[in-house]
Amino acid sequence: MAIFPSEETAYDALNGAHWISCYPFVFQSVICLLRGGVLAYLDETPNGASFDQIGQKTGLSQGALKVLLQAAVYFDILNLRDGLYSNTKTAHFLLTDKIVKANLDFAQDVCYLGLFNLLESLKKEKPIGLETLGQAETIYPILSTLNEPARTSWYTFDHCYSDKCFSKALDILLSSRPSTICDIGGNTGLFEVACCQRDSELRIMVLDLPEQCAVIRRNMLDQGFSNRVNCIEIDLLSDAPFSQISADAWWLSQFLDCFSSEDIVEILRRVASRLGGDDRVYILEPFVGRQPFPMGDKCLAAFSLYFTAIANGKSRFYSFEDFSELISRAGLKIDQMFEGLGTGHTLLVCKKAYI
């Protein structure tokens, strides 16, 4: 992490710079190894396989296979000993780790082409790269209609992180015994299903875009919870007030990172205006700098560029320090904080700063 002056040698630094120049090529070769079945085949042959055996399995020409395997060997994806290729430990995790797979598919199917437009997106603060997926001002209205494999890869990436912390987060939320929850940004309704399964009396209101509300309504009908979950179609960036909403718990899970700093403050101000003295706001987010491992912080810092180039042009994964300042500006204060949920989420329990 390059916050403090580095102690690496000039040689190491030069190697690192060369590594960066090679990253796009290595990434695409890994996608080919995975989706072409090479890594899966070698996983089934722990003693290794010859060039000809891999060629027979993949159907690639000799020239194509040579250039692919050459890159894989020199970048430590594959081993080559005595004419036999085998997976390295890195290849094993590329093949088997669910989070790594979700990240890879998201990067390839959702982000890769759009990131070419990153500089223009940064300058204009608009998601110029979104045009590689569809025609819209932001990605959110078209999520449910994205072409495959982008649609599946987006939802898998999103759920891969949030689903792992739902159980613990729900324990905390339901311990206060709320009767009505307002979920802002319901996504596909997985949270609603989990809540209804845990508490048979709980009522939930979901505020989201019309397109997402349609998805949630279908899922609630399928799950038998449509009589307990009410969807309210709303553009959170509009001036529409929350005057029709009354809830003793407000839930915002992996939602506010979809907005700019000023938009977050405005949304939270509108929530704060509806709070009573015992009402609470539950904000579940992965914060950069608060991940359990350094690589987690690096991943969040990298994936923040997706928001700029593709999602909306303005948001990011925030640091806790930046985010807590936004909470304060909105007239809220953090009452409790629970860290280490799931893969690295933090649950902030907030209340109105001035009653």
Protein backbone atom coordinates (compact mmCIF):
# COMPACT_ATOMS: atom_id res chain seq x y z
CA MET A 1 0.00 0.00 0.00
CA ALA A 2 1.75 3.13 -1.24
CA ILE A 3 0.66 5.58 1.44
CA PHE A 4 4.16 5.86 2.89
CA PRO A 5 7.44 6.09 0.96
CA SER A 6 8.32 2.68 -0.47
CA GLU A 7 11.45 0.81 0.58
CA GLU A 8 11.54 -1.33 -2.57
CA THR A 9 14.58 -1.20 -4.79
CA ALA A 10 14.59 0.51 -8.16
CA TYR A 11 14.82 -2.95 -9.75
CA ASP A 12 11.69 -4.11 -7.91
CA ALA A 13 9.90 -0.90 -8.83
CA LEU A 14 10.78 -1.32 -12.50
CA ASN A 15 9.54 -4.91 -12.43
CA GLY A 16 6.33 -3.70 -10.85
CA ALA A 17 5.88 -1.13 -13.58
CA HIS A 18 6.37 -3.82 -16.24
CA TRP A 19 3.86 -6.03 -14.43
CA ILE A 20 1.25 -3.30 -14.71
CA SER A 21 1.83 -3.01 -18.45
CA CYS A 22 1.19 -6.76 -18.77
CA TYR A 23 -1.91 -7.00 -16.55
CA PRO A 24 -4.51 -6.75 -19.37
CA PHE A 25 -2.81 -9.52 -21.36
CA VAL A 26 -2.45 -11.80 -18.35
CA PHE A 27 -6.08 -11.23 -17.38
CA GLN A 28 -7.38 -12.14 -20.82
CA SER A 29 -5.17 -15.23 -20.98
CA VAL A 30 -6.63 -16.37 -17.64
CA ILE A 31 -10.16 -15.91 -18.99
CA CYS A 32 -9.21 -18.12 -21.95
CA LEU A 33 -7.67 -20.76 -19.67
CA LEU A 34 -10.79 -20.83 -17.52
CA ARG A 35 -13.49 -20.65 -20.15
CA GLY A 36 -11.56 -22.83 -22.55
CA GLY A 37 -11.45 -25.59 -19.95
CA VAL A 38 -7.66 -25.78 -19.62
CA LEU A 39 -7.48 -25.19 -15.87
CA ALA A 40 -10.39 -27.56 -15.19
CA TYR A 41 -8.75 -30.27 -17.28
CA LEU A 42 -5.39 -29.88 -15.54
CA ASP A 43 -7.14 -29.94 -12.18
CA GLU A 44 -8.38 -33.41 -13.10
CA THR A 45 -4.86 -34.48 -14.11
CA PRO A 46 -2.68 -33.63 -11.07
CA ASN A 47 0.33 -35.41 -12.57
CA GLY A 48 0.25 -33.03 -15.50
CA ALA A 49 -0.71 -33.20 -19.16
CA SER A 50 1.29 -32.90 -22.35
CA PHE A 51 0.90 -30.22 -24.98
CA ASP A 52 -0.84 -32.67 -27.31
CA GLN A 53 -3.24 -33.83 -24.59
CA ILE A 54 -4.26 -30.24 -23.82
CA GLY A 55 -4.67 -29.57 -27.54
CA GLN A 56 -6.97 -32.56 -27.93
CA LYS A 57 -9.03 -31.39 -24.97
CA THR A 58 -9.39 -27.74 -26.02
CA GLY A 59 -9.49 -28.07 -29.78
CA LEU A 60 -7.11 -25.12 -30.18
CA SER A 61 -4.56 -25.09 -32.97
CA GLN A 62 -0.90 -25.67 -32.09
CA GLY A 63 -0.07 -22.00 -32.63
CA ALA A 64 -2.96 -20.75 -30.53
CA LEU A 65 -2.23 -23.17 -27.71
CA LYS A 66 1.49 -22.39 -27.67
CA VAL A 67 0.97 -18.65 -27.24
CA LEU A 68 -1.60 -19.21 -24.50
CA LEU A 69 0.44 -21.75 -22.53
CA GLN A 70 3.60 -19.69 -22.92
CA ALA A 71 1.96 -16.72 -21.24
CA ALA A 72 0.49 -18.94 -18.52
CA VAL A 73 3.89 -20.45 -17.66
CA TYR A 74 5.80 -17.18 -17.56
CA PHE A 75 3.18 -15.54 -15.37
CA ASP A 76 3.04 -18.45 -12.92
CA ILE A 77 -0.43 -19.66 -13.82
CA LEU A 78 0.88 -23.02 -15.00
CA ASN A 79 3.95 -25.14 -14.24
CA LEU A 80 5.96 -26.83 -17.00
CA ARG A 81 8.19 -29.72 -15.98
CA ASP A 82 9.47 -32.54 -18.18
CA GLY A 83 7.08 -31.60 -20.94
CA LEU A 84 4.01 -31.74 -18.71
CA TYR A 85 1.81 -28.78 -17.76
CA SER A 86 0.11 -28.55 -14.38
CA ASN A 87 -1.79 -25.96 -12.36
CA THR A 88 0.02 -23.72 -9.91
CA LYS A 89 -1.59 -22.77 -6.60
CA THR A 90 -2.66 -19.53 -8.25
CA ALA A 91 -4.47 -21.52 -10.94
CA HIS A 92 -6.15 -23.60 -8.24
CA PHE A 93 -7.67 -20.50 -6.65
CA LEU A 94 -8.60 -19.01 -10.02
CA LEU A 95 -10.53 -22.20 -10.64
CA THR A 96 -12.09 -22.89 -7.25
CA ASP A 97 -12.43 -19.72 -5.16
CA LYS A 98 -15.99 -18.35 -5.44
CA ILE A 99 -15.02 -14.75 -4.71
CA VAL A 100 -12.16 -14.82 -7.21
CA LYS A 101 -14.52 -16.27 -9.83
CA ALA A 102 -17.15 -13.60 -9.11
CA ASN A 103 -14.52 -10.87 -9.42
CA LEU A 104 -13.12 -12.29 -12.66
CA ASP A 105 -16.53 -12.69 -14.32
CA PHE A 106 -17.60 -9.22 -13.21
CA ALA A 107 -14.39 -7.69 -14.55
CA GLN A 108 -14.66 -9.50 -17.88
CA ASP A 109 -18.40 -9.47 -18.60
CA VAL A 110 -19.41 -6.13 -17.06
CA CYS A 111 -16.36 -3.89 -16.87
CA TYR A 112 -13.57 -4.75 -19.28
CA LEU A 113 -14.76 -3.01 -22.44
CA GLY A 114 -16.24 -0.05 -20.57
CA LEU A 115 -13.04 0.68 -18.66
CA PHE A 116 -11.46 1.73 -21.94
CA ASN A 117 -13.51 4.92 -21.47
CA LEU A 118 -12.33 5.58 -17.92
CA LEU A 119 -10.43 8.81 -18.62
CA GLU A 120 -13.37 10.35 -20.49
CA SER A 121 -15.71 9.21 -17.72
CA LEU A 122 -13.50 10.83 -15.09
CA LYS A 123 -13.39 14.12 -16.99
CA LYS A 124 -17.13 14.27 -17.68
CA GLU A 125 -18.28 12.55 -14.45
CA LYS A 126 -20.53 10.39 -16.59
CA PRO A 127 -20.41 6.60 -17.14
CA ILE A 128 -19.26 6.73 -20.74
CA GLY A 129 -18.35 3.03 -20.64
CA LEU A 130 -21.97 2.08 -19.99
CA GLU A 131 -22.61 2.25 -23.73
CA THR A 132 -20.90 -1.14 -24.00
CA LEU A 133 -23.79 -2.65 -22.02
CA GLY A 134 -26.81 -0.58 -23.02
CA GLN A 135 -28.29 2.85 -23.48
CA ALA A 136 -29.09 4.53 -20.16
CA GLU A 137 -27.85 7.35 -17.95
CA THR A 138 -26.86 4.88 -15.21
CA ILE A 139 -26.67 1.11 -15.08
CA TYR A 140 -29.38 0.63 -12.45
CA PRO A 141 -32.55 0.91 -14.58
CA ILE A 142 -31.20 -1.67 -17.04
CA LEU A 143 -29.75 -4.23 -14.61
CA SER A 144 -32.64 -6.66 -14.99
CA THR A 145 -32.42 -6.50 -18.80
CA LEU A 146 -28.65 -6.70 -19.32
CA ASN A 147 -27.58 -9.22 -21.93
CA GLU A 148 -25.98 -12.41 -20.70
CA PRO A 149 -23.44 -13.10 -19.38
CA ALA A 150 -23.25 -9.52 -18.02
CA ARG A 151 -26.53 -9.79 -16.10
CA THR A 152 -25.61 -12.98 -14.26
CA SER A 153 -22.08 -11.77 -13.58
CA TRP A 154 -23.31 -8.46 -12.14
CA TYR A 155 -25.79 -10.06 -9.75
CA THR A 156 -23.36 -12.81 -8.76
CA PHE A 157 -20.71 -10.21 -7.92
CA ASP A 158 -23.18 -8.12 -5.92
CA HIS A 159 -24.64 -11.06 -3.99
CA CYS A 160 -21.27 -12.71 -3.44
CA TYR A 161 -20.39 -10.00 -0.94
CA SER A 162 -23.71 -8.97 0.58
CA ASP A 163 -25.21 -12.44 1.09
CA LYS A 164 -22.35 -13.59 3.31
CA CYS A 165 -23.11 -10.97 5.94
CA PHE A 166 -26.92 -11.06 5.93
CA SER A 167 -27.29 -13.57 8.76
CA LYS A 168 -25.20 -11.62 11.29
CA ALA A 169 -26.60 -8.27 10.12
CA LEU A 170 -30.15 -9.57 10.51
CA ASP A 171 -29.37 -10.76 14.05
CA ILE A 172 -28.38 -7.19 14.90
CA LEU A 173 -31.29 -5.57 13.07
CA LEU A 174 -34.00 -7.87 14.44
CA SER A 175 -32.67 -7.71 17.99
CA SER A 176 -34.35 -4.30 18.28
CA ARG A 177 -37.65 -5.97 17.28
CA PRO A 178 -38.78 -3.53 14.56
CA SER A 179 -42.34 -3.88 13.32
CA THR A 180 -41.79 -2.10 10.02
CA ILE A 181 -38.62 -1.84 7.95
CA CYS A 182 -38.03 0.51 5.05
CA ASP A 183 -35.44 -0.96 2.68
CA ILE A 184 -33.99 1.67 0.37
CA GLY A 185 -32.57 -0.02 -2.71
CA GLY A 186 -34.04 -3.51 -2.59
CA ASN A 187 -32.12 -5.00 -5.52
CA THR A 188 -33.78 -8.40 -6.12
CA GLY A 189 -35.47 -8.79 -2.73
CA LEU A 190 -33.14 -11.33 -1.09
CA PHE A 191 -33.11 -9.23 2.07
CA GLU A 192 -36.90 -9.17 2.14
CA VAL A 193 -37.08 -12.94 1.83
CA ALA A 194 -34.58 -13.40 4.66
CA CYS A 195 -36.50 -10.99 6.92
CA CYS A 196 -39.87 -12.57 6.26
CA GLN A 197 -38.46 -16.03 6.93
CA ARG A 198 -37.03 -14.88 10.26
CA ASP A 199 -40.01 -12.85 11.54
CA SER A 200 -43.57 -13.80 10.59
CA GLU A 201 -45.01 -10.45 11.73
CA LEU A 202 -42.55 -8.11 10.07
CA ARG A 203 -43.72 -5.68 7.39
CA ILE A 204 -41.32 -4.24 4.82
CA MET A 205 -41.49 -1.31 2.42
CA VAL A 206 -39.02 -1.17 -0.44
CA LEU A 207 -38.05 2.06 -2.20
CA ASP A 208 -36.44 1.50 -5.57
CA LEU A 209 -36.61 2.25 -9.27
CA PRO A 210 -39.64 0.90 -11.16
CA GLU A 211 -37.54 -1.70 -12.95
CA GLN A 212 -36.19 -3.13 -9.70
CA CYS A 213 -39.59 -2.99 -8.00
CA ALA A 214 -40.96 -5.19 -10.80
CA VAL A 215 -38.25 -7.78 -10.11
CA ILE A 216 -38.88 -7.68 -6.35
CA ARG A 217 -42.66 -8.03 -6.77
CA ARG A 218 -42.19 -11.15 -8.91
CA ASN A 219 -39.79 -12.66 -6.39
CA MET A 220 -42.06 -11.89 -3.43
CA LEU A 221 -44.98 -13.50 -5.24
CA ASP A 222 -42.89 -16.61 -5.90
CA GLN A 223 -41.82 -16.76 -2.24
CA GLY A 224 -45.31 -16.15 -0.86
CA PHE A 225 -44.44 -12.85 0.82
CA SER A 226 -46.22 -10.38 -1.47
CA ASN A 227 -48.76 -9.53 1.24
CA ARG A 228 -45.99 -8.40 3.61
CA VAL A 229 -43.67 -6.54 1.22
CA ASN A 230 -44.83 -3.32 -0.40
CA CYS A 231 -42.73 -1.79 -3.18
CA ILE A 232 -42.81 1.96 -3.75
CA GLU A 233 -41.43 3.12 -7.09
CA ILE A 234 -39.20 6.13 -6.68
CA ASP A 235 -36.12 7.77 -8.13
CA LEU A 236 -33.98 8.48 -5.07
CA LEU A 237 -32.33 11.36 -6.89
CA SER A 238 -35.63 13.12 -7.47
CA ASP A 239 -37.16 15.65 -5.12
CA ALA A 240 -39.90 13.24 -4.08
CA PRO A 241 -40.26 13.37 -0.27
CA PHE A 242 -40.52 10.38 2.04
CA SER A 243 -43.66 11.82 3.63
CA GLN A 244 -45.64 8.65 2.93
CA ILE A 245 -43.08 6.44 4.68
CA SER A 246 -43.27 5.50 8.34
CA ALA A 247 -40.85 2.90 9.70
CA ASP A 248 -38.96 2.23 12.90
CA ALA A 249 -35.96 0.77 11.05
CA TRP A 250 -34.40 1.94 7.79
CA TRP A 251 -32.13 -0.44 5.91
CA LEU A 252 -29.55 0.61 3.30
CA SER A 253 -27.37 -2.30 2.22
CA GLN A 254 -24.59 -1.80 -0.34
CA PHE A 255 -26.70 1.04 -1.69
CA LEU A 256 -25.18 4.37 -0.81
CA ASP A 257 -21.92 3.54 -2.58
CA CYS A 258 -23.98 3.92 -5.76
CA PHE A 259 -24.17 7.68 -5.22
CA SER A 260 -21.93 10.72 -5.07
CA SER A 261 -21.07 12.29 -1.73
CA GLU A 262 -23.64 15.07 -2.10
CA ASP A 263 -26.35 12.63 -3.15
CA ILE A 264 -25.63 10.46 -0.10
CA VAL A 265 -26.01 13.44 2.20
CA GLU A 266 -29.31 14.40 0.58
CA ILE A 267 -30.74 10.87 0.77
CA LEU A 268 -29.75 10.50 4.42
CA ARG A 269 -31.18 13.93 5.23
CA ARG A 270 -34.53 12.82 3.83
CA VAL A 271 -34.34 9.66 5.92
CA ALA A 272 -33.39 11.66 9.03
CA SER A 273 -36.47 13.84 8.56
CA ARG A 274 -38.67 10.74 9.09
CA LEU A 275 -36.95 9.46 12.23
CA GLY A 276 -38.38 9.43 15.71
CA GLY A 277 -36.33 9.18 18.86
CA ASP A 278 -36.19 5.37 18.89
CA ASP A 279 -35.90 4.84 15.14
CA ARG A 280 -32.63 3.63 13.68
CA VAL A 281 -30.90 3.65 10.31
CA TYR A 282 -28.86 0.56 9.44
CA ILE A 283 -26.16 1.10 6.81
CA LEU A 284 -24.25 -1.93 5.56
CA GLU A 285 -21.15 -1.14 3.46
CA PRO A 286 -17.67 -2.45 2.66
CA PHE A 287 -15.25 0.35 3.50
CA VAL A 288 -11.87 0.82 1.86
CA GLY A 289 -9.23 0.62 4.58
CA ARG A 290 -11.40 -1.53 6.87
CA GLN A 291 -11.03 -4.89 5.11
CA PRO A 292 -9.60 -7.84 7.06
CA PHE A 293 -6.78 -8.35 4.52
CA PRO A 294 -4.79 -5.83 2.46
CA MET A 295 -5.93 -7.47 -0.79
CA GLY A 296 -9.53 -6.70 0.15
CA ASP A 297 -8.73 -2.99 0.27
CA LYS A 298 -6.95 -3.23 -3.07
CA CYS A 299 -9.96 -4.96 -4.64
CA LEU A 300 -12.36 -2.29 -3.40
CA ALA A 301 -10.07 0.49 -4.60
CA ALA A 302 -9.92 -1.13 -8.03
CA PHE A 303 -13.62 -1.92 -8.31
CA SER A 304 -14.44 1.68 -7.42
CA LEU A 305 -13.45 2.49 -10.99
CA TYR A 306 -16.45 0.49 -12.19
CA PHE A 307 -18.73 3.12 -10.67
CA THR A 308 -16.90 5.86 -12.54
CA ALA A 309 -16.64 4.27 -15.96
CA ILE A 310 -19.81 2.20 -16.09
CA ALA A 311 -22.33 2.53 -13.24
CA ASN A 312 -23.01 6.24 -12.76
CA GLY A 313 -19.84 8.30 -13.22
CA LYS A 314 -19.65 9.72 -9.70
CA SER A 315 -19.68 7.19 -6.88
CA ARG A 316 -17.18 4.78 -5.36
CA PHE A 317 -16.46 2.50 -2.45
CA TYR A 318 -15.85 4.96 0.36
CA SER A 319 -13.42 4.99 3.25
CA PHE A 320 -15.00 4.95 6.69
CA GLU A 321 -13.55 8.38 7.44
CA ASP A 322 -15.16 9.94 4.36
CA PHE A 323 -18.45 8.15 4.91
CA SER A 324 -18.80 9.04 8.59
CA GLU A 325 -18.43 12.70 7.65
CA LEU A 326 -21.35 12.36 5.22
CA ILE A 327 -23.47 10.79 7.95
CA SER A 328 -22.74 13.72 10.24
CA ARG A 329 -23.57 16.26 7.53
CA ALA A 330 -26.94 14.56 7.04
CA GLY A 331 -27.94 15.13 10.67
CA LEU A 332 -27.30 11.58 11.83
CA LYS A 333 -24.82 10.10 14.28
CA ILE A 334 -23.35 6.62 14.54
CA ASP A 335 -24.77 4.90 17.62
CA GLN A 336 -23.17 1.48 17.09
CA MET A 337 -20.69 -0.05 14.67
CA PHE A 338 -20.21 -3.73 13.89
CA GLU A 339 -17.18 -4.69 11.80
CA GLY A 340 -16.03 -7.88 10.13
CA LEU A 341 -19.39 -9.06 8.83
CA GLY A 342 -19.17 -11.51 5.93
CA THR A 343 -16.13 -10.88 3.77
CA GLY A 344 -15.45 -7.43 5.21
CA HIS A 345 -18.62 -5.39 5.66
CA THR A 346 -19.34 -2.88 8.39
CA LEU A 347 -22.82 -2.30 9.80
CA LEU A 348 -23.42 1.23 11.06
CA VAL A 349 -26.43 1.77 13.30
CA CYS A 350 -27.34 5.45 13.21
CA LYS A 351 -29.88 7.65 14.87
CA LYS A 352 -30.94 11.24 14.50
CA ALA A 353 -28.33 13.61 15.88
CA TYR A 354 -30.87 16.12 17.16
CA ILE A 355 -34.29 15.14 18.46
